[in-house]
Amino acid sequence: MPLPFAAGLYKKAWLKNYALMLAGLLIDIDHLLADPIYYAERCSIGFHPLHTPLPIILYVMLLAHPKTRALGIGLCLHILLDGADCLI
């Protein structure tokens, strides 16, 4: 999902911003704290530490500043997609 956002929002510096948006995937490192690490029926939102309300508020706050916006977009997209996965 980050590629269309990076290409559409950052036409000149899309590659750098795409990389920042992909960095949003790194919050899945908190899955290593779970036992089992992967469980298909588990909803990440609210379970894993970096998928709880306080970090999510911080991810949204990153959208406010132009220098952190691309990372914020990547993190918020990640959370939105994880949330959608919880509904399915």
PDB file of N, CA and C in Angstrom:
ATOM      1  N   MET A   1       0.790  -1.206   0.000  1.00  0.00           N
ATOM      2  CA  MET A   1       0.000   0.000   0.000  1.00  0.00           C
ATOM      3  C   MET A   1       0.835   1.274   0.000  1.00  0.00           C
ATOM      4  N   PRO A   2       2.011   1.307   0.604  1.00  0.00           N
ATOM      5  CA  PRO A   2       2.741   2.575   0.641  1.00  0.00           C
ATOM      6  C   PRO A   2       3.167   3.102  -0.728  1.00  0.00           C
ATOM      7  N   LEU A   3       3.392   2.231  -1.690  1.00  0.00           N
ATOM      8  CA  LEU A   3       3.883   2.693  -2.988  1.00  0.00           C
ATOM      9  C   LEU A   3       2.940   3.676  -3.670  1.00  0.00           C
ATOM     10  N   PRO A   4       1.642   3.404  -3.769  1.00  0.00           N
ATOM     11  CA  PRO A   4       0.763   4.397  -4.405  1.00  0.00           C
ATOM     12  C   PRO A   4       0.733   5.724  -3.644  1.00  0.00           C
ATOM     13  N   PHE A   5       0.802   5.664  -2.328  1.00  0.00           N
ATOM     14  CA  PHE A   5       0.815   6.897  -1.543  1.00  0.00           C
ATOM     15  C   PHE A   5       2.099   7.682  -1.791  1.00  0.00           C
ATOM     16  N   ALA A   6       3.230   7.006  -1.785  1.00  0.00           N
ATOM     17  CA  ALA A   6       4.508   7.678  -2.015  1.00  0.00           C
ATOM     18  C   ALA A   6       4.571   8.273  -3.411  1.00  0.00           C
ATOM     19  N   ALA A   7       4.142   7.511  -4.398  1.00  0.00           N
ATOM     20  CA  ALA A   7       4.183   7.996  -5.785  1.00  0.00           C
ATOM     21  C   ALA A   7       3.204   9.145  -6.002  1.00  0.00           C
ATOM     22  N   GLY A   8       2.060   9.103  -5.344  1.00  0.00           N
ATOM     23  CA  GLY A   8       1.062  10.141  -5.534  1.00  0.00           C
ATOM     24  C   GLY A   8       1.320  11.407  -4.738  1.00  0.00           C
ATOM     25  N   LEU A   9       1.848  11.253  -3.532  1.00  0.00           N
ATOM     26  CA  LEU A   9       2.046  12.415  -2.663  1.00  0.00           C
ATOM     27  C   LEU A   9       3.421  13.056  -2.805  1.00  0.00           C
ATOM     28  N   TYR A  10       4.413  12.290  -3.187  1.00  0.00           N
ATOM     29  CA  TYR A  10       5.793  12.774  -3.239  1.00  0.00           C
ATOM     30  C   TYR A  10       6.394  12.444  -4.601  1.00  0.00           C
ATOM     31  N   LYS A  11       5.963  13.173  -5.604  1.00  0.00           N
ATOM     32  CA  LYS A  11       6.388  12.849  -6.978  1.00  0.00           C
ATOM     33  C   LYS A  11       7.896  12.953  -7.185  1.00  0.00           C
ATOM     34  N   LYS A  12       8.548  13.956  -6.597  1.00  0.00           N
ATOM     35  CA  LYS A  12       9.988  14.138  -6.810  1.00  0.00           C
ATOM     36  C   LYS A  12      10.826  13.234  -5.917  1.00  0.00           C
ATOM     37  N   ALA A  13      10.423  13.086  -4.677  1.00  0.00           N
ATOM     38  CA  ALA A  13      11.215  12.298  -3.725  1.00  0.00           C
ATOM     39  C   ALA A  13      10.439  11.061  -3.290  1.00  0.00           C
ATOM     40  N   TRP A  14       9.810  10.393  -4.241  1.00  0.00           N
ATOM     41  CA  TRP A  14       8.945   9.276  -3.901  1.00  0.00           C
ATOM     42  C   TRP A  14       9.708   8.097  -3.308  1.00  0.00           C
ATOM     43  N   LEU A  15      10.926   7.849  -3.782  1.00  0.00           N
ATOM     44  CA  LEU A  15      11.674   6.680  -3.321  1.00  0.00           C
ATOM     45  C   LEU A  15      12.047   6.812  -1.838  1.00  0.00           C
ATOM     46  N   LYS A  16      12.551   7.983  -1.451  1.00  0.00           N
ATOM     47  CA  LYS A  16      12.903   8.219  -0.046  1.00  0.00           C
ATOM     48  C   LYS A  16      11.668   8.097   0.840  1.00  0.00           C
ATOM     49  N   ASN A  17      10.585   8.688   0.422  1.00  0.00           N
ATOM     50  CA  ASN A  17       9.363   8.655   1.212  1.00  0.00           C
ATOM     51  C   ASN A  17       8.724   7.265   1.210  1.00  0.00           C
ATOM     52  N   TYR A  18       8.889   6.545   0.129  1.00  0.00           N
ATOM     53  CA  TYR A  18       8.431   5.151   0.081  1.00  0.00           C
ATOM     54  C   TYR A  18       9.193   4.325   1.118  1.00  0.00           C
ATOM     55  N   ALA A  19      10.498   4.546   1.208  1.00  0.00           N
ATOM     56  CA  ALA A  19      11.314   3.824   2.197  1.00  0.00           C
ATOM     57  C   ALA A  19      10.865   4.174   3.617  1.00  0.00           C
ATOM     58  N   LEU A  20      10.549   5.440   3.864  1.00  0.00           N
ATOM     59  CA  LEU A  20      10.071   5.841   5.188  1.00  0.00           C
ATOM     60  C   LEU A  20       8.725   5.185   5.499  1.00  0.00           C
ATOM     61  N   MET A  21       7.863   5.108   4.501  1.00  0.00           N
ATOM     62  CA  MET A  21       6.568   4.468   4.710  1.00  0.00           C
ATOM     63  C   MET A  21       6.734   2.973   4.967  1.00  0.00           C
ATOM     64  N   LEU A  22       7.662   2.348   4.265  1.00  0.00           N
ATOM     65  CA  LEU A  22       7.927   0.923   4.498  1.00  0.00           C
ATOM     66  C   LEU A  22       8.479   0.685   5.900  1.00  0.00           C
ATOM     67  N   ALA A  23       9.152   1.693   6.454  1.00  0.00           N
ATOM     68  CA  ALA A  23       9.677   1.565   7.812  1.00  0.00           C
ATOM     69  C   ALA A  23       8.543   1.337   8.815  1.00  0.00           C
ATOM     70  N   GLY A  24       7.322   1.705   8.435  1.00  0.00           N
ATOM     71  CA  GLY A  24       6.167   1.451   9.288  1.00  0.00           C
ATOM     72  C   GLY A  24       5.947  -0.027   9.552  1.00  0.00           C
ATOM     73  N   LEU A  25       6.505  -0.864   8.724  1.00  0.00           N
ATOM     74  CA  LEU A  25       6.388  -2.312   8.938  1.00  0.00           C
ATOM     75  C   LEU A  25       7.223  -2.789  10.124  1.00  0.00           C
ATOM     76  N   LEU A  26       8.192  -1.977  10.517  1.00  0.00           N
ATOM     77  CA  LEU A  26       9.082  -2.382  11.602  1.00  0.00           C
ATOM     78  C   LEU A  26       8.375  -2.491  12.948  1.00  0.00           C
ATOM     79  N   ILE A  27       7.198  -1.887  13.082  1.00  0.00           N
ATOM     80  CA  ILE A  27       6.498  -2.025  14.368  1.00  0.00           C
ATOM     81  C   ILE A  27       6.037  -3.455  14.605  1.00  0.00           C
ATOM     82  N   ASP A  28       6.093  -4.278  13.591  1.00  0.00           N
ATOM     83  CA  ASP A  28       5.728  -5.687  13.790  1.00  0.00           C
ATOM     84  C   ASP A  28       6.786  -6.451  14.574  1.00  0.00           C
ATOM     85  N   ILE A  29       7.882  -5.792  14.914  1.00  0.00           N
ATOM     86  CA  ILE A  29       8.901  -6.453  15.739  1.00  0.00           C
ATOM     87  C   ILE A  29       8.320  -6.834  17.106  1.00  0.00           C
ATOM     88  N   ASP A  30       7.275  -6.110  17.522  1.00  0.00           N
ATOM     89  CA  ASP A  30       6.660  -6.441  18.812  1.00  0.00           C
ATOM     90  C   ASP A  30       5.948  -7.795  18.791  1.00  0.00           C
ATOM     91  N   HIS A  31       5.759  -8.372  17.632  1.00  0.00           N
ATOM     92  CA  HIS A  31       5.168  -9.714  17.542  1.00  0.00           C
ATOM     93  C   HIS A  31       6.108 -10.757  18.147  1.00  0.00           C
ATOM     94  N   LEU A  32       7.390 -10.426  18.200  1.00  0.00           N
ATOM     95  CA  LEU A  32       8.364 -11.363  18.773  1.00  0.00           C
ATOM     96  C   LEU A  32       8.158 -11.553  20.275  1.00  0.00           C
ATOM     97  N   LEU A  33       7.429 -10.628  20.903  1.00  0.00           N
ATOM     98  CA  LEU A  33       7.166 -10.732  22.338  1.00  0.00           C
ATOM     99  C   LEU A  33       5.993 -11.653  22.646  1.00  0.00           C
ATOM    100  N   ALA A  34       5.231 -12.009  21.629  1.00  0.00           N
ATOM    101  CA  ALA A  34       4.033 -12.827  21.834  1.00  0.00           C
ATOM    102  C   ALA A  34       4.372 -14.314  21.802  1.00  0.00           C
ATOM    103  N   ASP A  35       3.519 -15.076  22.455  1.00  0.00           N
ATOM    104  CA  ASP A  35       3.676 -16.525  22.438  1.00  0.00           C
ATOM    105  C   ASP A  35       2.329 -17.143  22.082  1.00  0.00           C
ATOM    106  N   PRO A  36       2.150 -17.722  20.934  1.00  0.00           N
ATOM    107  CA  PRO A  36       3.120 -17.903  19.859  1.00  0.00           C
ATOM    108  C   PRO A  36       3.356 -16.591  19.105  1.00  0.00           C
ATOM    109  N   ILE A  37       4.478 -16.512  18.415  1.00  0.00           N
ATOM    110  CA  ILE A  37       4.826 -15.299  17.679  1.00  0.00           C
ATOM    111  C   ILE A  37       3.758 -14.962  16.661  1.00  0.00           C
ATOM    112  N   TYR A  38       3.283 -15.950  15.928  1.00  0.00           N
ATOM    113  CA  TYR A  38       2.221 -15.722  14.948  1.00  0.00           C
ATOM    114  C   TYR A  38       1.038 -16.611  15.275  1.00  0.00           C
ATOM    115  N   TYR A  39      -0.115 -15.992  15.358  1.00  0.00           N
ATOM    116  CA  TYR A  39      -1.359 -16.721  15.555  1.00  0.00           C
ATOM    117  C   TYR A  39      -2.395 -16.058  14.667  1.00  0.00           C
ATOM    118  N   ALA A  40      -2.851 -16.753  13.655  1.00  0.00           N
ATOM    119  CA  ALA A  40      -3.712 -16.176  12.621  1.00  0.00           C
ATOM    120  C   ALA A  40      -5.009 -15.594  13.171  1.00  0.00           C
ATOM    121  N   GLU A  41      -5.523 -16.136  14.237  1.00  0.00           N
ATOM    122  CA  GLU A  41      -6.802 -15.683  14.786  1.00  0.00           C
ATOM    123  C   GLU A  41      -6.668 -14.494  15.743  1.00  0.00           C
ATOM    124  N   ARG A  42      -5.452 -14.072  16.042  1.00  0.00           N
ATOM    125  CA  ARG A  42      -5.239 -12.994  17.007  1.00  0.00           C
ATOM    126  C   ARG A  42      -5.276 -11.642  16.302  1.00  0.00           C
ATOM    127  N   CYS A  43      -5.949 -10.684  16.906  1.00  0.00           N
ATOM    128  CA  CYS A  43      -5.972  -9.312  16.403  1.00  0.00           C
ATOM    129  C   CYS A  43      -4.783  -8.560  16.995  1.00  0.00           C
ATOM    130  N   SER A  44      -3.961  -7.971  16.133  1.00  0.00           N
ATOM    131  CA  SER A  44      -2.780  -7.245  16.592  1.00  0.00           C
ATOM    132  C   SER A  44      -3.141  -5.989  17.371  1.00  0.00           C
ATOM    133  N   ILE A  45      -4.213  -5.314  16.953  1.00  0.00           N
ATOM    134  CA  ILE A  45      -4.600  -4.059  17.577  1.00  0.00           C
ATOM    135  C   ILE A  45      -5.007  -4.312  19.026  1.00  0.00           C
ATOM    136  N   GLY A  46      -4.318  -3.618  19.922  1.00  0.00           N
ATOM    137  CA  GLY A  46      -4.607  -3.767  21.341  1.00  0.00           C
ATOM    138  C   GLY A  46      -3.884  -4.922  22.008  1.00  0.00           C
ATOM    139  N   PHE A  47      -3.275  -5.810  21.236  1.00  0.00           N
ATOM    140  CA  PHE A  47      -2.574  -6.956  21.821  1.00  0.00           C
ATOM    141  C   PHE A  47      -1.077  -6.704  21.910  1.00  0.00           C
ATOM    142  N   HIS A  48      -0.471  -6.342  20.810  1.00  0.00           N
ATOM    143  CA  HIS A  48       0.972  -6.108  20.780  1.00  0.00           C
ATOM    144  C   HIS A  48       1.272  -4.679  21.256  1.00  0.00           C
ATOM    145  N   PRO A  49       2.359  -4.472  21.984  1.00  0.00           N
ATOM    146  CA  PRO A  49       2.654  -3.162  22.576  1.00  0.00           C
ATOM    147  C   PRO A  49       2.673  -1.987  21.594  1.00  0.00           C
ATOM    148  N   LEU A  50       3.197  -2.174  20.408  1.00  0.00           N
ATOM    149  CA  LEU A  50       3.258  -1.067  19.446  1.00  0.00           C
ATOM    150  C   LEU A  50       1.977  -0.928  18.633  1.00  0.00           C
ATOM    151  N   HIS A  51       0.965  -1.699  18.986  1.00  0.00           N
ATOM    152  CA  HIS A  51      -0.339  -1.651  18.327  1.00  0.00           C
ATOM    153  C   HIS A  51      -1.431  -1.256  19.325  1.00  0.00           C
ATOM    154  N   THR A  52      -1.046  -0.551  20.390  1.00  0.00           N
ATOM    155  CA  THR A  52      -1.989  -0.116  21.420  1.00  0.00           C
ATOM    156  C   THR A  52      -2.289   1.373  21.251  1.00  0.00           C
ATOM    157  N   PRO A  53      -3.293   1.887  21.959  1.00  0.00           N
ATOM    158  CA  PRO A  53      -3.742   3.269  21.728  1.00  0.00           C
ATOM    159  C   PRO A  53      -2.663   4.357  21.842  1.00  0.00           C
ATOM    160  N   LEU A  54      -1.821   4.325  22.854  1.00  0.00           N
ATOM    161  CA  LEU A  54      -0.823   5.394  23.008  1.00  0.00           C
ATOM    162  C   LEU A  54       0.132   5.475  21.810  1.00  0.00           C
ATOM    163  N   PRO A  55       0.760   4.378  21.389  1.00  0.00           N
ATOM    164  CA  PRO A  55       1.603   4.473  20.197  1.00  0.00           C
ATOM    165  C   PRO A  55       0.814   4.895  18.952  1.00  0.00           C
ATOM    166  N   ILE A  56      -0.420   4.454  18.831  1.00  0.00           N
ATOM    167  CA  ILE A  56      -1.223   4.824  17.661  1.00  0.00           C
ATOM    168  C   ILE A  56      -1.461   6.329  17.644  1.00  0.00           C
ATOM    169  N   ILE A  57      -1.692   6.920  18.815  1.00  0.00           N
ATOM    170  CA  ILE A  57      -1.838   8.381  18.900  1.00  0.00           C
ATOM    171  C   ILE A  57      -0.550   9.062  18.445  1.00  0.00           C
ATOM    172  N   LEU A  58       0.582   8.514  18.831  1.00  0.00           N
ATOM    173  CA  LEU A  58       1.870   9.084  18.408  1.00  0.00           C
ATOM    174  C   LEU A  58       2.052   8.959  16.895  1.00  0.00           C
ATOM    175  N   TYR A  59       1.611   7.850  16.319  1.00  0.00           N
ATOM    176  CA  TYR A  59       1.712   7.676  14.867  1.00  0.00           C
ATOM    177  C   TYR A  59       0.883   8.728  14.144  1.00  0.00           C
ATOM    178  N   VAL A  60      -0.294   9.009  14.666  1.00  0.00           N
ATOM    179  CA  VAL A  60      -1.155  10.033  14.068  1.00  0.00           C
ATOM    180  C   VAL A  60      -0.516  11.410  14.208  1.00  0.00           C
ATOM    181  N   MET A  61       0.125  11.662  15.333  1.00  0.00           N
ATOM    182  CA  MET A  61       0.791  12.955  15.549  1.00  0.00           C
ATOM    183  C   MET A  61       1.934  13.178  14.559  1.00  0.00           C
ATOM    184  N   LEU A  62       2.557  12.108  14.101  1.00  0.00           N
ATOM    185  CA  LEU A  62       3.632  12.237  13.111  1.00  0.00           C
ATOM    186  C   LEU A  62       3.135  12.836  11.800  1.00  0.00           C
ATOM    187  N   LEU A  63       1.845  12.745  11.550  1.00  0.00           N
ATOM    188  CA  LEU A  63       1.271  13.286  10.315  1.00  0.00           C
ATOM    189  C   LEU A  63       1.300  14.809  10.293  1.00  0.00           C
ATOM    190  N   ALA A  64       1.413  15.438  11.442  1.00  0.00           N
ATOM    191  CA  ALA A  64       1.307  16.892  11.541  1.00  0.00           C
ATOM    192  C   ALA A  64       2.525  17.633  10.983  1.00  0.00           C
ATOM    193  N   HIS A  65       3.694  17.045  11.070  1.00  0.00           N
ATOM    194  CA  HIS A  65       4.913  17.731  10.644  1.00  0.00           C
ATOM    195  C   HIS A  65       5.396  17.170   9.304  1.00  0.00           C
ATOM    196  N   PRO A  66       5.731  18.043   8.360  1.00  0.00           N
ATOM    197  CA  PRO A  66       6.158  17.556   7.034  1.00  0.00           C
ATOM    198  C   PRO A  66       7.350  16.601   7.059  1.00  0.00           C
ATOM    199  N   LYS A  67       8.276  16.794   8.006  1.00  0.00           N
ATOM    200  CA  LYS A  67       9.468  15.938   8.043  1.00  0.00           C
ATOM    201  C   LYS A  67       9.176  14.534   8.562  1.00  0.00           C
ATOM    202  N   THR A  68       8.091  14.363   9.283  1.00  0.00           N
ATOM    203  CA  THR A  68       7.751  13.042   9.823  1.00  0.00           C
ATOM    204  C   THR A  68       6.501  12.462   9.168  1.00  0.00           C
ATOM    205  N   ARG A  69       5.928  13.199   8.246  1.00  0.00           N
ATOM    206  CA  ARG A  69       4.641  12.796   7.654  1.00  0.00           C
ATOM    207  C   ARG A  69       4.714  11.453   6.927  1.00  0.00           C
ATOM    208  N   ALA A  70       5.755  11.221   6.137  1.00  0.00           N
ATOM    209  CA  ALA A  70       5.844   9.963   5.379  1.00  0.00           C
ATOM    210  C   ALA A  70       5.906   8.760   6.320  1.00  0.00           C
ATOM    211  N   LEU A  71       6.682   8.876   7.386  1.00  0.00           N
ATOM    212  CA  LEU A  71       6.744   7.786   8.370  1.00  0.00           C
ATOM    213  C   LEU A  71       5.381   7.620   9.033  1.00  0.00           C
ATOM    214  N   GLY A  72       4.742   8.735   9.374  1.00  0.00           N
ATOM    215  CA  GLY A  72       3.408   8.685   9.973  1.00  0.00           C
ATOM    216  C   GLY A  72       2.394   8.026   9.060  1.00  0.00           C
ATOM    217  N   ILE A  73       2.470   8.315   7.772  1.00  0.00           N
ATOM    218  CA  ILE A  73       1.564   7.686   6.811  1.00  0.00           C
ATOM    219  C   ILE A  73       1.790   6.173   6.799  1.00  0.00           C
ATOM    220  N   GLY A  74       3.055   5.765   6.767  1.00  0.00           N
ATOM    221  CA  GLY A  74       3.362   4.335   6.765  1.00  0.00           C
ATOM    222  C   GLY A  74       2.862   3.634   8.020  1.00  0.00           C
ATOM    223  N   LEU A  75       3.056   4.265   9.169  1.00  0.00           N
ATOM    224  CA  LEU A  75       2.599   3.666  10.429  1.00  0.00           C
ATOM    225  C   LEU A  75       1.077   3.618  10.503  1.00  0.00           C
ATOM    226  N   CYS A  76       0.429   4.701  10.095  1.00  0.00           N
ATOM    227  CA  CYS A  76      -1.042   4.725  10.127  1.00  0.00           C
ATOM    228  C   CYS A  76      -1.637   3.734   9.132  1.00  0.00           C
ATOM    229  N   LEU A  77      -1.031   3.612   7.959  1.00  0.00           N
ATOM    230  CA  LEU A  77      -1.494   2.603   7.001  1.00  0.00           C
ATOM    231  C   LEU A  77      -1.367   1.204   7.599  1.00  0.00           C
ATOM    232  N   HIS A  78      -0.252   0.962   8.249  1.00  0.00           N
ATOM    233  CA  HIS A  78      -0.015  -0.333   8.886  1.00  0.00           C
ATOM    234  C   HIS A  78      -1.120  -0.637   9.898  1.00  0.00           C
ATOM    235  N   ILE A  79      -1.421   0.339  10.752  1.00  0.00           N
ATOM    236  CA  ILE A  79      -2.450   0.153  11.779  1.00  0.00           C
ATOM    237  C   ILE A  79      -3.819  -0.040  11.129  1.00  0.00           C
ATOM    238  N   LEU A  80      -4.117   0.747  10.098  1.00  0.00           N
ATOM    239  CA  LEU A  80      -5.410   0.603   9.411  1.00  0.00           C
ATOM    240  C   LEU A  80      -5.563  -0.783   8.780  1.00  0.00           C
ATOM    241  N   LEU A  81      -4.493  -1.252   8.160  1.00  0.00           N
ATOM    242  CA  LEU A  81      -4.559  -2.583   7.540  1.00  0.00           C
ATOM    243  C   LEU A  81      -4.669  -3.687   8.587  1.00  0.00           C
ATOM    244  N   ASP A  82      -3.946  -3.531   9.711  1.00  0.00           N
ATOM    245  CA  ASP A  82      -4.084  -4.511  10.790  1.00  0.00           C
ATOM    246  C   ASP A  82      -5.503  -4.479  11.361  1.00  0.00           C
ATOM    247  N   GLY A  83      -6.072  -3.270  11.475  1.00  0.00           N
ATOM    248  CA  GLY A  83      -7.443  -3.147  11.969  1.00  0.00           C
ATOM    249  C   GLY A  83      -8.434  -3.806  11.034  1.00  0.00           C
ATOM    250  N   ALA A  84      -8.232  -3.621   9.732  1.00  0.00           N
ATOM    251  CA  ALA A  84      -9.101  -4.269   8.744  1.00  0.00           C
ATOM    252  C   ALA A  84      -8.977  -5.779   8.830  1.00  0.00           C
ATOM    253  N   ASP A  85      -7.758  -6.250   9.082  1.00  0.00           N
ATOM    254  CA  ASP A  85      -7.537  -7.696   9.231  1.00  0.00           C
ATOM    255  C   ASP A  85      -8.295  -8.242  10.437  1.00  0.00           C
ATOM    256  N   CYS A  86      -8.421  -7.432  11.478  1.00  0.00           N
ATOM    257  CA  CYS A  86      -9.149  -7.859  12.674  1.00  0.00           C
ATOM    258  C   CYS A  86     -10.641  -8.019  12.385  1.00  0.00           C
ATOM    259  N   LEU A  87     -11.153  -7.238  11.441  1.00  0.00           N
ATOM    260  CA  LEU A  87     -12.574  -7.300  11.112  1.00  0.00           C
ATOM    261  C   LEU A  87     -12.921  -8.496  10.254  1.00  0.00           C
ATOM    262  N   ILE A  88     -11.943  -9.000   9.538  1.00  0.00           N
ATOM    263  CA  ILE A  88     -12.195 -10.116   8.613  1.00  0.00           C
ATOM    264  C   ILE A  88     -12.067 -11.453   9.314  1.00  0.00           C
TER     265      ILE A  88
END
